Amino acid sequence: MAVEEVENTTEEVGTLAAEGLASTHYPLAPGYRVNVRSGPGTNFGVVRILPAGTRVPINCQTPGTRETGPYGTSNIWDNIGNGQFISDTFVKTGSDGYFTVRCA
């Protein structure tokens, strides 16, 4: 599914690490701006857009809508912050499946 255009915000994902929510950050697919949604699926609203080159923490993973991105097709969504989810198909995690805890 294509990433629709929404005005970019200046909020930094890196602040999540400073808050102690995650210590490892994973890169987005090169050249992609990725929609951050309020829940695990394209049926949830876009809360912001991550700029190309962003690295994100992954706090947990959960099933959601099935999406196709540069790293394949999957229904796995990564929680990168409170009420913030991105499709795992846009994140280079080194895994084709779940690799961390599932979201509660």
C-alpha atoms as a PDB file:
ATOM      1  CA  MET A   1       0.000   0.000   0.000  1.00  0.00           C
ATOM      2  CA  ALA A   2       1.323   3.430  -0.869  1.00  0.00           C
ATOM      3  CA  VAL A   3       2.273   5.932   1.772  1.00  0.00           C
ATOM      4  CA  GLU A   4      -0.017   8.920   1.398  1.00  0.00           C
ATOM      5  CA  GLU A   5       1.301  12.447   1.780  1.00  0.00           C
ATOM      6  CA  VAL A   6       0.575  14.261   5.042  1.00  0.00           C
ATOM      7  CA  GLU A   7       2.353  17.341   6.345  1.00  0.00           C
ATOM      8  CA  ASN A   8       5.588  16.355   8.094  1.00  0.00           C
ATOM      9  CA  THR A   9       6.114  17.213  11.754  1.00  0.00           C
ATOM     10  CA  THR A  10       9.389  18.027  13.463  1.00  0.00           C
ATOM     11  CA  GLU A  11       8.935  15.673  16.426  1.00  0.00           C
ATOM     12  CA  GLU A  12      11.998  13.479  16.814  1.00  0.00           C
ATOM     13  CA  VAL A  13      11.729   9.718  17.225  1.00  0.00           C
ATOM     14  CA  GLY A  14      15.099   9.761  18.996  1.00  0.00           C
ATOM     15  CA  THR A  15      13.489  11.301  22.066  1.00  0.00           C
ATOM     16  CA  LEU A  16      11.848   7.954  22.749  1.00  0.00           C
ATOM     17  CA  ALA A  17      15.229   6.442  23.534  1.00  0.00           C
ATOM     18  CA  ALA A  18      16.030   9.320  25.854  1.00  0.00           C
ATOM     19  CA  GLU A  19      12.833   8.488  27.736  1.00  0.00           C
ATOM     20  CA  GLY A  20      14.096   4.930  28.219  1.00  0.00           C
ATOM     21  CA  LEU A  21      11.446   3.283  26.054  1.00  0.00           C
ATOM     22  CA  ALA A  22      13.880   1.489  23.766  1.00  0.00           C
ATOM     23  CA  SER A  23      17.622   1.241  23.311  1.00  0.00           C
ATOM     24  CA  THR A  24      17.934  -0.311  19.844  1.00  0.00           C
ATOM     25  CA  HIS A  25      16.863   1.677  16.805  1.00  0.00           C
ATOM     26  CA  TYR A  26      16.078   0.137  13.428  1.00  0.00           C
ATOM     27  CA  PRO A  27      16.401   1.966  10.092  1.00  0.00           C
ATOM     28  CA  LEU A  28      13.502   2.694   7.788  1.00  0.00           C
ATOM     29  CA  ALA A  29      13.863   1.477   4.217  1.00  0.00           C
ATOM     30  CA  PRO A  30      16.141   3.906   2.337  1.00  0.00           C
ATOM     31  CA  GLY A  31      14.306   6.714   0.584  1.00  0.00           C
ATOM     32  CA  TYR A  32      10.925   6.140   2.254  1.00  0.00           C
ATOM     33  CA  ARG A  33       8.898   8.561   4.366  1.00  0.00           C
ATOM     34  CA  VAL A  34       6.656   6.423   6.558  1.00  0.00           C
ATOM     35  CA  ASN A  35       3.243   7.197   8.011  1.00  0.00           C
ATOM     36  CA  VAL A  36       2.942   6.748  11.764  1.00  0.00           C
ATOM     37  CA  ARG A  37      -0.579   5.671  12.634  1.00  0.00           C
ATOM     38  CA  SER A  38      -2.577   5.723  15.854  1.00  0.00           C
ATOM     39  CA  GLY A  39      -3.144   1.956  15.653  1.00  0.00           C
ATOM     40  CA  PRO A  40      -1.887  -1.127  13.791  1.00  0.00           C
ATOM     41  CA  GLY A  41      -3.428  -0.606  10.376  1.00  0.00           C
ATOM     42  CA  THR A  42      -4.163   1.732   7.508  1.00  0.00           C
ATOM     43  CA  ASN A  43      -7.678   2.173   8.885  1.00  0.00           C
ATOM     44  CA  PHE A  44      -6.155   4.222  11.748  1.00  0.00           C
ATOM     45  CA  GLY A  45      -5.349   7.910  11.343  1.00  0.00           C
ATOM     46  CA  VAL A  46      -1.920   9.254  10.477  1.00  0.00           C
ATOM     47  CA  VAL A  47      -0.427  11.053  13.482  1.00  0.00           C
ATOM     48  CA  ARG A  48       2.809  12.123  11.756  1.00  0.00           C
ATOM     49  CA  ILE A  49       5.273  11.133   9.052  1.00  0.00           C
ATOM     50  CA  LEU A  50       8.784   9.899   9.662  1.00  0.00           C
ATOM     51  CA  PRO A  51      11.342  11.425   7.279  1.00  0.00           C
ATOM     52  CA  ALA A  52      13.589   9.235   5.136  1.00  0.00           C
ATOM     53  CA  GLY A  53      16.670   8.094   7.023  1.00  0.00           C
ATOM     54  CA  THR A  54      14.919   7.821  10.396  1.00  0.00           C
ATOM     55  CA  ARG A  55      15.846   5.059  12.840  1.00  0.00           C
ATOM     56  CA  VAL A  56      13.066   3.899  15.176  1.00  0.00           C
ATOM     57  CA  PRO A  57      12.803   2.022  18.455  1.00  0.00           C
ATOM     58  CA  ILE A  58      10.458  -0.960  18.460  1.00  0.00           C
ATOM     59  CA  ASN A  59       8.765  -1.371  21.818  1.00  0.00           C
ATOM     60  CA  CYS A  60       6.548  -4.291  20.780  1.00  0.00           C
ATOM     61  CA  GLN A  61       4.868  -5.803  17.716  1.00  0.00           C
ATOM     62  CA  THR A  62       1.235  -6.624  16.992  1.00  0.00           C
ATOM     63  CA  PRO A  63      -0.890  -7.961  14.127  1.00  0.00           C
ATOM     64  CA  GLY A  64      -2.858  -5.486  12.033  1.00  0.00           C
ATOM     65  CA  THR A  65      -3.777  -4.876   8.420  1.00  0.00           C
ATOM     66  CA  ARG A  66      -1.698  -6.677   5.805  1.00  0.00           C
ATOM     67  CA  GLU A  67       0.639  -4.298   3.963  1.00  0.00           C
ATOM     68  CA  THR A  68       3.261  -4.502   1.250  1.00  0.00           C
ATOM     69  CA  GLY A  69       6.418  -2.439   1.488  1.00  0.00           C
ATOM     70  CA  PRO A  70      10.069  -2.582   0.459  1.00  0.00           C
ATOM     71  CA  TYR A  71      10.721  -5.464   2.869  1.00  0.00           C
ATOM     72  CA  GLY A  72       7.845  -7.657   1.727  1.00  0.00           C
ATOM     73  CA  THR A  73       4.221  -8.252   2.709  1.00  0.00           C
ATOM     74  CA  SER A  74       3.189  -8.674   6.329  1.00  0.00           C
ATOM     75  CA  ASN A  75       0.477  -7.975   8.878  1.00  0.00           C
ATOM     76  CA  ILE A  76       3.061  -7.121  11.588  1.00  0.00           C
ATOM     77  CA  TRP A  77       2.978  -3.566  12.955  1.00  0.00           C
ATOM     78  CA  ASP A  78       5.694  -2.074  15.147  1.00  0.00           C
ATOM     79  CA  ASN A  79       4.866   0.118  18.131  1.00  0.00           C
ATOM     80  CA  ILE A  80       7.398   2.967  18.175  1.00  0.00           C
ATOM     81  CA  GLY A  81       5.767   5.043  20.922  1.00  0.00           C
ATOM     82  CA  ASN A  82       2.566   5.575  22.831  1.00  0.00           C
ATOM     83  CA  GLY A  83      -0.229   5.283  20.244  1.00  0.00           C
ATOM     84  CA  GLN A  84       2.279   5.192  17.349  1.00  0.00           C
ATOM     85  CA  PHE A  85       2.513   2.281  14.900  1.00  0.00           C
ATOM     86  CA  ILE A  86       4.277   1.686  11.587  1.00  0.00           C
ATOM     87  CA  SER A  87       4.101  -1.258   9.222  1.00  0.00           C
ATOM     88  CA  ASP A  88       7.031  -3.622   9.763  1.00  0.00           C
ATOM     89  CA  THR A  89       7.398  -3.841   5.974  1.00  0.00           C
ATOM     90  CA  PHE A  90       9.132  -0.436   6.046  1.00  0.00           C
ATOM     91  CA  VAL A  91      11.614  -1.270   8.832  1.00  0.00           C
ATOM     92  CA  LYS A  92      14.864  -3.224   8.446  1.00  0.00           C
ATOM     93  CA  THR A  93      14.679  -5.506  11.486  1.00  0.00           C
ATOM     94  CA  GLY A  94      16.625  -8.449  10.085  1.00  0.00           C
ATOM     95  CA  SER A  95      13.600 -10.718  10.540  1.00  0.00           C
ATOM     96  CA  ASP A  96      10.623 -11.732   8.414  1.00  0.00           C
ATOM     97  CA  GLY A  97       8.490 -12.379  11.490  1.00  0.00           C
ATOM     98  CA  TYR A  98       8.017 -11.301  15.064  1.00  0.00           C
ATOM     99  CA  PHE A  99      11.371 -10.713  16.749  1.00  0.00           C
ATOM    100  CA  THR A 100      10.355  -8.990  19.988  1.00  0.00           C
ATOM    101  CA  VAL A 101       7.484  -9.094  22.455  1.00  0.00           C
ATOM    102  CA  ARG A 102       3.917  -8.732  21.299  1.00  0.00           C
ATOM    103  CA  CYS A 103       2.028  -5.645  22.381  1.00  0.00           C
ATOM    104  CA  ALA A 104      -0.382  -6.208  25.248  1.00  0.00           C
END
